Amino acid sequence: MPKMKNKAAAKKRFRFTAKGKVRGTQAGKQHGMIKRTKKQIRNQRGTTILADSDARIVKKIMPCR
């Protein structure tokens, strides 16, 4: 029986908190800085907890946490 493995792309992009929630980067911050307000740019720094619907997908592709 083959080993279960995590998707390598997901390993690089997501981490799990101690309670099992999924932490990932903020959406919509890669380009287009001129269009966005200073407040948006400031609020999109760092990482965030993913929504439940998105977290379910990530947990499925990362079975070995």
N, C-alpha and C. Protein backbone atom coordinates (compact mmCIF):
# COMPACT_ATOMS: atom_id res chain seq x y z
N MET A 1 0.84 -1.19 0.00
CA MET A 1 0.00 0.00 0.00
C MET A 1 0.88 1.25 0.00
N PRO A 2 0.65 2.19 -0.90
CA PRO A 2 1.49 3.39 -0.92
C PRO A 2 1.21 4.31 0.26
N LYS A 3 2.22 5.10 0.59
CA LYS A 3 2.07 6.05 1.69
C LYS A 3 1.15 7.18 1.27
N MET A 4 0.41 7.74 2.25
CA MET A 4 -0.37 8.95 2.00
C MET A 4 0.58 10.13 2.11
N LYS A 5 0.49 11.04 1.16
CA LYS A 5 1.38 12.19 1.18
C LYS A 5 0.59 13.48 1.06
N ASN A 6 1.15 14.54 1.63
CA ASN A 6 0.58 15.88 1.45
C ASN A 6 0.96 16.40 0.08
N LYS A 7 0.13 17.28 -0.45
CA LYS A 7 0.49 17.97 -1.69
C LYS A 7 1.60 18.96 -1.36
N ALA A 8 2.69 18.92 -2.11
CA ALA A 8 3.84 19.78 -1.83
C ALA A 8 3.48 21.25 -1.95
N ALA A 9 2.61 21.60 -2.90
CA ALA A 9 2.22 23.00 -3.08
C ALA A 9 1.45 23.50 -1.86
N ALA A 10 0.61 22.65 -1.28
CA ALA A 10 -0.16 23.05 -0.11
C ALA A 10 0.73 23.19 1.13
N LYS A 11 1.75 22.34 1.24
CA LYS A 11 2.68 22.43 2.37
C LYS A 11 3.36 23.78 2.41
N LYS A 12 3.67 24.32 1.21
CA LYS A 12 4.38 25.58 1.14
C LYS A 12 3.48 26.78 1.43
N ARG A 13 2.17 26.61 1.28
CA ARG A 13 1.25 27.75 1.35
C ARG A 13 0.41 27.83 2.61
N PHE A 14 0.23 26.70 3.31
CA PHE A 14 -0.68 26.68 4.45
C PHE A 14 -0.02 26.05 5.66
N ARG A 15 -0.43 26.53 6.85
CA ARG A 15 0.00 25.94 8.12
C ARG A 15 -1.25 25.71 8.96
N PHE A 16 -1.12 24.87 9.99
CA PHE A 16 -2.23 24.60 10.88
C PHE A 16 -1.94 25.21 12.25
N THR A 17 -2.98 25.77 12.85
CA THR A 17 -2.86 26.30 14.21
C THR A 17 -2.96 25.13 15.19
N ALA A 18 -2.77 25.42 16.46
CA ALA A 18 -2.83 24.38 17.49
C ALA A 18 -4.23 23.78 17.59
N LYS A 19 -5.26 24.57 17.29
CA LYS A 19 -6.64 24.07 17.36
C LYS A 19 -7.09 23.41 16.07
N GLY A 20 -6.19 23.35 15.06
CA GLY A 20 -6.52 22.67 13.81
C GLY A 20 -7.10 23.56 12.73
N LYS A 21 -7.10 24.87 12.97
CA LYS A 21 -7.58 25.77 11.92
C LYS A 21 -6.46 25.97 10.89
N VAL A 22 -6.84 26.41 9.71
CA VAL A 22 -5.86 26.55 8.62
C VAL A 22 -5.48 28.03 8.48
N ARG A 23 -4.18 28.28 8.49
CA ARG A 23 -3.67 29.65 8.34
C ARG A 23 -3.04 29.78 6.96
N GLY A 24 -3.38 30.85 6.25
CA GLY A 24 -2.84 31.09 4.92
C GLY A 24 -2.66 32.56 4.66
N THR A 25 -2.09 32.89 3.52
CA THR A 25 -1.86 34.29 3.20
C THR A 25 -3.17 34.98 2.83
N GLN A 26 -3.17 36.29 2.97
CA GLN A 26 -4.35 37.10 2.63
C GLN A 26 -4.57 37.04 1.12
N ALA A 27 -5.83 37.04 0.73
CA ALA A 27 -6.18 37.01 -0.69
C ALA A 27 -6.11 38.41 -1.29
N GLY A 28 -5.74 38.47 -2.57
CA GLY A 28 -5.81 39.72 -3.32
C GLY A 28 -4.76 40.75 -2.98
N LYS A 29 -3.53 40.32 -2.70
CA LYS A 29 -2.51 41.31 -2.35
C LYS A 29 -1.24 41.20 -3.20
N GLN A 30 -1.31 40.50 -4.31
CA GLN A 30 -0.10 40.27 -5.09
C GLN A 30 0.25 41.42 -6.03
N HIS A 31 -0.74 42.05 -6.61
CA HIS A 31 -0.46 43.17 -7.51
C HIS A 31 -1.64 44.12 -7.51
N GLY A 32 -1.50 45.25 -8.22
CA GLY A 32 -2.59 46.23 -8.28
C GLY A 32 -2.64 47.11 -7.06
N MET A 33 -1.47 47.48 -6.54
CA MET A 33 -1.42 48.29 -5.32
C MET A 33 -2.02 49.69 -5.52
N ILE A 34 -1.87 50.24 -6.71
CA ILE A 34 -2.33 51.61 -6.95
C ILE A 34 -3.84 51.72 -6.82
N LYS A 35 -4.55 50.68 -7.23
CA LYS A 35 -6.02 50.72 -7.19
C LYS A 35 -6.55 50.66 -5.77
N ARG A 36 -5.81 50.04 -4.86
CA ARG A 36 -6.34 49.80 -3.53
C ARG A 36 -5.99 50.91 -2.56
N THR A 37 -6.84 51.06 -1.55
CA THR A 37 -6.61 52.10 -0.56
C THR A 37 -5.47 51.68 0.38
N LYS A 38 -4.93 52.67 1.08
CA LYS A 38 -3.86 52.39 2.05
C LYS A 38 -4.37 51.47 3.14
N LYS A 39 -5.64 51.64 3.51
CA LYS A 39 -6.23 50.80 4.55
C LYS A 39 -6.29 49.33 4.12
N GLN A 40 -6.67 49.09 2.86
CA GLN A 40 -6.72 47.72 2.34
C GLN A 40 -5.34 47.09 2.36
N ILE A 41 -4.35 47.82 1.87
CA ILE A 41 -2.98 47.31 1.82
C ILE A 41 -2.48 46.98 3.23
N ARG A 42 -2.79 47.85 4.18
CA ARG A 42 -2.37 47.66 5.57
C ARG A 42 -3.05 46.43 6.19
N ASN A 43 -4.32 46.27 5.92
CA ASN A 43 -5.08 45.15 6.50
C ASN A 43 -4.73 43.81 5.89
N GLN A 44 -4.12 43.80 4.69
CA GLN A 44 -3.79 42.55 4.03
C GLN A 44 -2.38 42.06 4.32
N ARG A 45 -1.71 42.68 5.28
CA ARG A 45 -0.38 42.19 5.67
C ARG A 45 -0.51 40.89 6.43
N GLY A 46 0.52 40.08 6.36
CA GLY A 46 0.57 38.87 7.18
C GLY A 46 -0.34 37.77 6.69
N THR A 47 -0.84 36.98 7.64
CA THR A 47 -1.66 35.82 7.30
C THR A 47 -3.02 35.93 7.97
N THR A 48 -3.91 35.01 7.60
CA THR A 48 -5.26 35.00 8.16
C THR A 48 -5.74 33.56 8.30
N ILE A 49 -6.78 33.38 9.09
CA ILE A 49 -7.42 32.07 9.23
C ILE A 49 -8.38 31.89 8.06
N LEU A 50 -8.29 30.76 7.38
CA LEU A 50 -9.16 30.51 6.23
C LEU A 50 -10.60 30.26 6.67
N ALA A 51 -11.53 30.56 5.77
CA ALA A 51 -12.94 30.26 6.03
C ALA A 51 -13.13 28.74 6.07
N ASP A 52 -14.20 28.30 6.71
CA ASP A 52 -14.43 26.86 6.87
C ASP A 52 -14.51 26.13 5.54
N SER A 53 -15.16 26.74 4.56
CA SER A 53 -15.30 26.08 3.26
C SER A 53 -13.95 25.90 2.57
N ASP A 54 -13.07 26.88 2.69
CA ASP A 54 -11.73 26.77 2.11
C ASP A 54 -10.85 25.82 2.93
N ALA A 55 -11.01 25.87 4.24
CA ALA A 55 -10.20 25.02 5.12
C ALA A 55 -10.49 23.54 4.86
N ARG A 56 -11.74 23.22 4.55
CA ARG A 56 -12.12 21.83 4.27
C ARG A 56 -11.34 21.30 3.07
N ILE A 57 -11.17 22.12 2.05
CA ILE A 57 -10.43 21.72 0.85
C ILE A 57 -8.96 21.48 1.19
N VAL A 58 -8.37 22.38 1.97
CA VAL A 58 -6.96 22.26 2.32
C VAL A 58 -6.72 21.02 3.17
N LYS A 59 -7.62 20.74 4.11
CA LYS A 59 -7.46 19.56 4.96
C LYS A 59 -7.54 18.27 4.16
N LYS A 60 -8.29 18.31 3.08
CA LYS A 60 -8.43 17.12 2.25
C LYS A 60 -7.12 16.82 1.49
N ILE A 61 -6.41 17.87 1.06
CA ILE A 61 -5.18 17.65 0.30
C ILE A 61 -3.94 17.58 1.20
N MET A 62 -4.13 17.78 2.52
CA MET A 62 -3.05 17.63 3.49
C MET A 62 -3.45 16.63 4.57
N PRO A 63 -3.53 15.35 4.24
CA PRO A 63 -4.01 14.37 5.22
C PRO A 63 -3.04 14.14 6.38
N CYS A 64 -1.74 14.29 6.15
CA CYS A 64 -0.73 14.04 7.19
C CYS A 64 -0.28 15.38 7.76
N ARG A 65 -0.95 15.82 8.81
CA ARG A 65 -0.60 17.14 9.37
C ARG A 65 0.32 17.01 10.54
